[in-house]
Protein backbone atom coordinates (compact mmCIF):
# COMPACT_ATOMS: atom_id res chain seq x y z
CA MET A 1 217.87 -35.08 -167.16
CA SER A 2 221.54 -36.04 -166.99
CA THR A 3 224.06 -33.27 -167.53
CA THR A 4 226.67 -35.78 -168.70
CA VAL A 5 227.48 -35.33 -172.36
CA PRO A 6 226.96 -38.65 -174.18
CA PRO A 7 229.70 -40.08 -176.39
CA SER A 8 229.78 -38.40 -179.78
CA VAL A 9 228.34 -40.22 -182.76
CA VAL A 10 231.16 -39.48 -185.19
CA GLU A 11 230.04 -41.66 -188.10
CA ALA A 12 227.01 -43.61 -189.19
CA PHE A 13 226.29 -47.06 -187.76
CA CYS A 14 227.55 -49.66 -190.24
CA ALA A 15 229.32 -46.86 -192.10
CA ASP A 16 231.83 -49.22 -193.71
CA GLY A 17 229.20 -51.79 -194.63
CA ILE A 18 228.31 -52.87 -198.16
CA VAL A 19 224.79 -52.11 -199.35
CA ASP A 20 222.60 -55.20 -199.83
CA VAL A 21 225.24 -57.24 -197.98
CA ASP A 22 225.63 -55.57 -194.56
CA TYR A 23 222.73 -53.13 -194.73
CA SER A 24 219.72 -52.30 -196.89
CA ASP A 25 218.66 -48.89 -198.16
CA ILE A 26 215.28 -48.37 -196.49
CA LEU A 27 212.68 -47.10 -198.96
CA VAL A 28 209.63 -44.94 -198.18
CA PRO A 29 206.78 -46.94 -199.79
CA PRO A 30 205.74 -50.35 -198.45
CA GLN A 31 207.85 -53.26 -199.72
CA THR A 32 205.63 -56.15 -198.67
CA SER A 33 204.73 -56.83 -202.31
CA VAL A 34 208.42 -57.62 -202.87
CA SER A 35 208.71 -59.78 -199.73
CA PRO A 36 206.45 -59.71 -196.64
CA GLU A 37 209.29 -59.13 -194.13
CA ILE A 38 211.00 -56.10 -195.76
CA ALA A 39 210.89 -52.92 -193.67
CA SER A 40 210.03 -49.47 -195.07
CA TYR A 41 209.57 -45.99 -193.69
CA SER A 42 205.83 -46.20 -194.37
CA THR A 43 205.16 -49.49 -192.56
CA GLY A 44 208.21 -49.98 -190.32
CA PHE A 45 208.76 -53.68 -189.76
CA PRO A 46 205.64 -55.21 -191.38
CA PRO A 47 203.21 -57.63 -189.67
CA ALA A 48 205.02 -60.75 -190.88
CA THR A 49 208.04 -59.83 -188.72
CA ARG A 50 205.81 -59.62 -185.62
CA THR A 51 204.01 -62.90 -186.20
CA PRO A 52 205.23 -66.14 -184.54
CA ARG A 53 207.04 -68.47 -186.89
CA THR A 54 204.57 -71.18 -185.96
CA SER A 55 201.87 -68.99 -187.48
CA GLY A 56 203.79 -68.23 -190.66
CA GLY A 57 205.81 -65.27 -189.45
CA ILE A 58 209.16 -64.29 -190.93
CA PRO A 59 212.02 -62.85 -188.81
CA PRO A 60 213.01 -59.21 -189.52
CA ARG A 61 216.07 -58.82 -191.68
CA GLY A 62 219.30 -57.80 -189.98
CA THR A 63 220.24 -55.76 -193.04
CA ASP A 64 217.05 -53.73 -192.58
CA MET A 65 217.94 -53.00 -188.96
CA ASN A 66 221.44 -51.97 -189.97
CA GLY A 67 220.01 -49.81 -192.75
CA ILE A 68 217.62 -47.98 -190.43
CA LEU A 69 220.33 -47.35 -187.83
CA ARG A 70 222.74 -46.26 -190.54
CA ALA A 71 220.30 -43.69 -191.95
CA ALA A 72 219.38 -42.31 -188.52
CA THR A 73 222.90 -42.10 -187.13
CA ALA A 74 224.26 -40.57 -190.34
CA HIS A 75 222.18 -37.48 -189.54
CA THR A 76 223.25 -37.56 -185.90
CA ALA A 77 226.91 -37.63 -186.95
CA TRP A 78 226.28 -34.82 -189.47
CA VAL A 79 224.73 -32.55 -186.83
CA ALA A 80 227.39 -33.46 -184.24
CA ALA A 81 230.03 -32.31 -186.71
CA GLY A 82 228.30 -28.94 -187.07
CA GLY A 83 226.52 -29.73 -190.32
CA GLN A 84 223.68 -27.43 -191.44
CA TYR A 85 220.86 -28.40 -193.78
CA ALA A 86 220.24 -26.72 -197.13
CA PHE A 87 217.03 -26.83 -199.22
CA ASN A 88 216.02 -30.40 -200.03
CA ALA A 89 213.43 -31.08 -202.74
CA ASP A 90 212.79 -34.56 -201.28
CA VAL A 91 211.74 -33.00 -197.97
CA VAL A 92 209.35 -30.70 -199.83
CA SER A 93 207.79 -33.53 -201.83
CA VAL A 94 207.12 -35.65 -198.72
CA ALA A 95 206.37 -32.97 -196.09
CA GLY A 96 204.64 -30.55 -198.46
CA GLY A 97 207.04 -27.70 -197.75
CA TYR A 98 209.00 -26.18 -194.88
CA PRO A 99 207.19 -24.98 -191.73
CA VAL A 100 207.25 -21.44 -190.37
CA GLY A 101 210.51 -20.81 -188.51
CA ALA A 102 212.59 -23.36 -190.44
CA VAL A 103 216.20 -22.26 -190.97
CA LEU A 104 218.28 -23.41 -193.96
CA GLN A 105 221.85 -22.80 -195.01
CA SER A 106 222.50 -21.49 -198.50
CA ALA A 107 223.93 -24.14 -200.82
CA VAL A 108 225.61 -21.34 -202.80
CA ASN A 109 227.06 -19.21 -199.98
CA PRO A 110 227.69 -21.20 -196.77
CA LEU A 111 227.86 -17.98 -194.72
CA LEU A 112 224.26 -17.09 -195.68
CA TYR A 113 221.13 -18.47 -194.02
CA PHE A 114 217.39 -18.21 -194.62
CA GLN A 115 214.49 -18.27 -192.15
CA ASN A 116 211.05 -19.27 -193.38
CA THR A 117 207.99 -17.07 -192.74
CA VAL A 118 205.33 -19.00 -194.71
CA ASP A 119 203.95 -22.40 -193.71
CA GLY A 120 204.41 -25.06 -196.39
CA ASN A 121 207.10 -23.08 -198.24
CA VAL A 122 208.24 -25.02 -201.33
CA ASN A 123 210.63 -22.37 -202.70
CA ASP A 124 214.38 -22.96 -202.90
CA PRO A 125 215.65 -19.76 -201.21
CA ASP A 126 218.84 -19.76 -203.28
CA SER A 127 216.71 -19.04 -206.36
CA VAL A 128 213.26 -17.90 -205.13
CA THR A 129 213.32 -15.89 -201.89
CA THR A 130 209.52 -15.61 -201.51
CA GLY A 131 208.73 -16.46 -197.90
CA TRP A 132 212.38 -16.56 -196.85
CA ILE A 133 214.35 -13.92 -194.90
CA PRO A 134 218.10 -14.01 -195.64
CA PHE A 135 220.38 -13.42 -192.66
CA THR A 136 223.77 -14.20 -191.20
CA PRO A 137 224.24 -15.15 -187.54
CA VAL A 138 227.59 -13.32 -187.40
CA ALA A 139 226.67 -9.93 -188.86
CA THR A 140 228.85 -8.16 -186.29
CA PRO A 141 232.11 -10.08 -185.88
CA THR A 142 234.34 -9.06 -182.99
CA GLY A 143 237.76 -9.39 -184.63
CA LEU A 144 240.12 -6.39 -184.80
CA GLN A 145 242.27 -5.39 -187.79
CA THR A 146 244.89 -2.63 -187.49
CA PRO A 147 246.12 -1.76 -190.99
CA THR A 148 248.70 0.92 -191.73
CA LEU A 149 247.57 2.60 -194.93
CA ALA A 150 249.83 3.91 -197.65
CA ALA A 151 249.56 7.47 -198.93
CA GLY A 152 246.91 8.13 -201.55
CA SER A 153 244.20 5.70 -202.65
CA ASN A 154 244.19 2.12 -201.30
CA PRO A 155 241.82 -0.85 -201.35
CA LEU A 156 241.53 -2.55 -197.97
CA ALA A 157 241.26 -6.35 -197.76
CA LEU A 158 239.40 -7.41 -194.62
CA THR A 159 240.63 -10.46 -192.77
CA ALA A 160 238.08 -13.09 -191.69
CA GLY A 161 235.96 -12.34 -188.63
CA VAL A 162 236.75 -8.62 -188.52
CA GLY A 163 234.17 -6.28 -187.05
CA PHE A 164 236.47 -3.39 -186.15
CA VAL A 165 239.18 -1.73 -188.24
CA ASP A 166 241.51 0.67 -186.42
CA ALA A 167 243.32 2.34 -189.32
CA THR A 168 246.56 4.30 -189.24
CA ALA A 169 246.81 6.77 -192.11
CA ASN A 170 249.90 7.99 -193.89
CA ALA A 171 251.05 11.50 -192.93
CA ALA A 172 250.14 12.60 -196.45
CA GLY A 173 246.60 11.29 -196.01
CA SER A 174 245.07 7.96 -197.08
CA THR A 175 241.88 7.09 -198.95
CA ILE A 176 240.15 3.70 -198.77
CA THR A 177 238.66 3.06 -202.20
CA ASN A 178 237.23 -0.45 -201.75
CA LEU A 179 236.64 -3.01 -199.01
CA THR A 180 237.10 -6.63 -200.02
CA GLY A 181 236.51 -9.92 -198.22
CA GLY A 182 233.15 -9.13 -196.58
CA PHE A 183 230.07 -11.39 -196.43
CA ASN A 184 226.38 -10.60 -196.66
CA GLY A 185 225.13 -8.63 -193.65
CA GLN A 186 228.59 -8.12 -192.15
CA ILE A 187 229.03 -4.89 -190.17
CA VAL A 188 232.45 -3.27 -189.95
CA VAL A 189 233.31 -0.19 -187.86
CA ILE A 190 236.23 1.73 -189.35
CA SER A 191 238.07 4.09 -186.97
CA GLN A 192 240.94 6.52 -187.57
CA MET A 193 243.54 6.21 -184.82
CA THR A 194 246.00 9.03 -185.63
CA ALA A 195 245.88 12.73 -186.41
CA ASP A 196 246.33 12.04 -190.12
CA PRO A 197 242.99 11.79 -191.96
CA VAL A 198 241.49 8.66 -193.52
CA THR A 199 238.91 9.18 -196.26
CA LEU A 200 236.26 6.64 -197.29
CA ASP A 201 235.70 7.02 -201.03
CA ASN A 202 232.10 7.15 -202.30
CA ALA A 203 233.18 6.18 -205.83
CA GLY A 204 234.18 2.60 -205.01
CA ASN A 205 232.09 -0.18 -203.51
CA MET A 206 231.04 1.94 -200.52
CA ARG A 207 227.61 3.47 -201.09
CA LEU A 208 228.03 6.84 -199.41
CA PRO A 209 226.32 10.17 -200.17
CA PHE A 210 229.79 11.76 -200.32
CA ALA A 211 233.37 10.92 -199.43
CA ILE A 212 233.71 10.77 -195.64
CA THR A 213 236.90 11.94 -193.96
CA LEU A 214 237.55 10.52 -190.51
CA THR A 215 239.57 12.54 -188.04
CA GLN A 216 241.37 11.03 -185.05
CA PHE A 217 239.17 8.54 -183.13
CA ASP A 218 236.23 9.23 -185.44
CA SER A 219 234.51 6.16 -186.91
CA CYS A 220 232.02 5.00 -189.52
CA ALA A 221 229.96 1.78 -189.55
CA LEU A 222 229.27 -0.02 -192.83
CA ARG A 223 227.14 -3.09 -193.64
CA PHE A 224 227.78 -5.27 -196.68
CA SER A 225 224.96 -6.19 -199.07
CA SER A 226 225.67 -9.06 -201.45
CA ALA A 227 222.60 -8.03 -203.48
CA LEU A 228 224.12 -4.59 -204.09
CA ASN A 229 227.73 -5.80 -203.89
CA LYS A 230 228.36 -2.66 -201.87
CA TRP A 231 229.05 -1.50 -198.34
CA VAL A 232 226.22 0.73 -197.09
CA LYS A 233 226.61 3.27 -194.29
CA VAL A 234 224.73 2.19 -191.17
């Protein structure tokens, strides 16, 4: 197998074409009752297109070829651009459901994914999670945030991709009341970097058995649950 990366397919073949002029939308059921040379996903190019003209054959339509290549390369371009597939009712109706191991992106929250555990799963995981396991591939980001906290109670807004928060407290002491900006499954490790204490409040959106005070270089790991809308101590 060649290790040379092929040229990227950045848009669909015949992308700027006009339907029914430059390309045809290829349908699933056979179209030979409309005209014996029309291609479909069920029959491909039908027998008339593979029969010599002298025997009554009809050449395949160029618009069908363009339509097939357009449909196929549209998906290639989508995947090459990093596109992820969400639940598709058309796939379910034709294939009978998703196979075990299938992974879909949430159409509601693009940072949430679902992996299927039941063969032939017909449930939309954004509404019915039966047979689907929600997850995020970046539960533990590696980014570092180094906020300097004001005295008293403060919410803390997390920046994107943060997995570690090295906090500097005010000399009078600082309390973090809420964490905002997290996504489902995200883990954040909060550390106190100075001798002044930082307290994590159990009355806000952090589900703690009691308020936790971090001394210098002490830390606490929290995971965010979108179902609870809370950060839970790990």
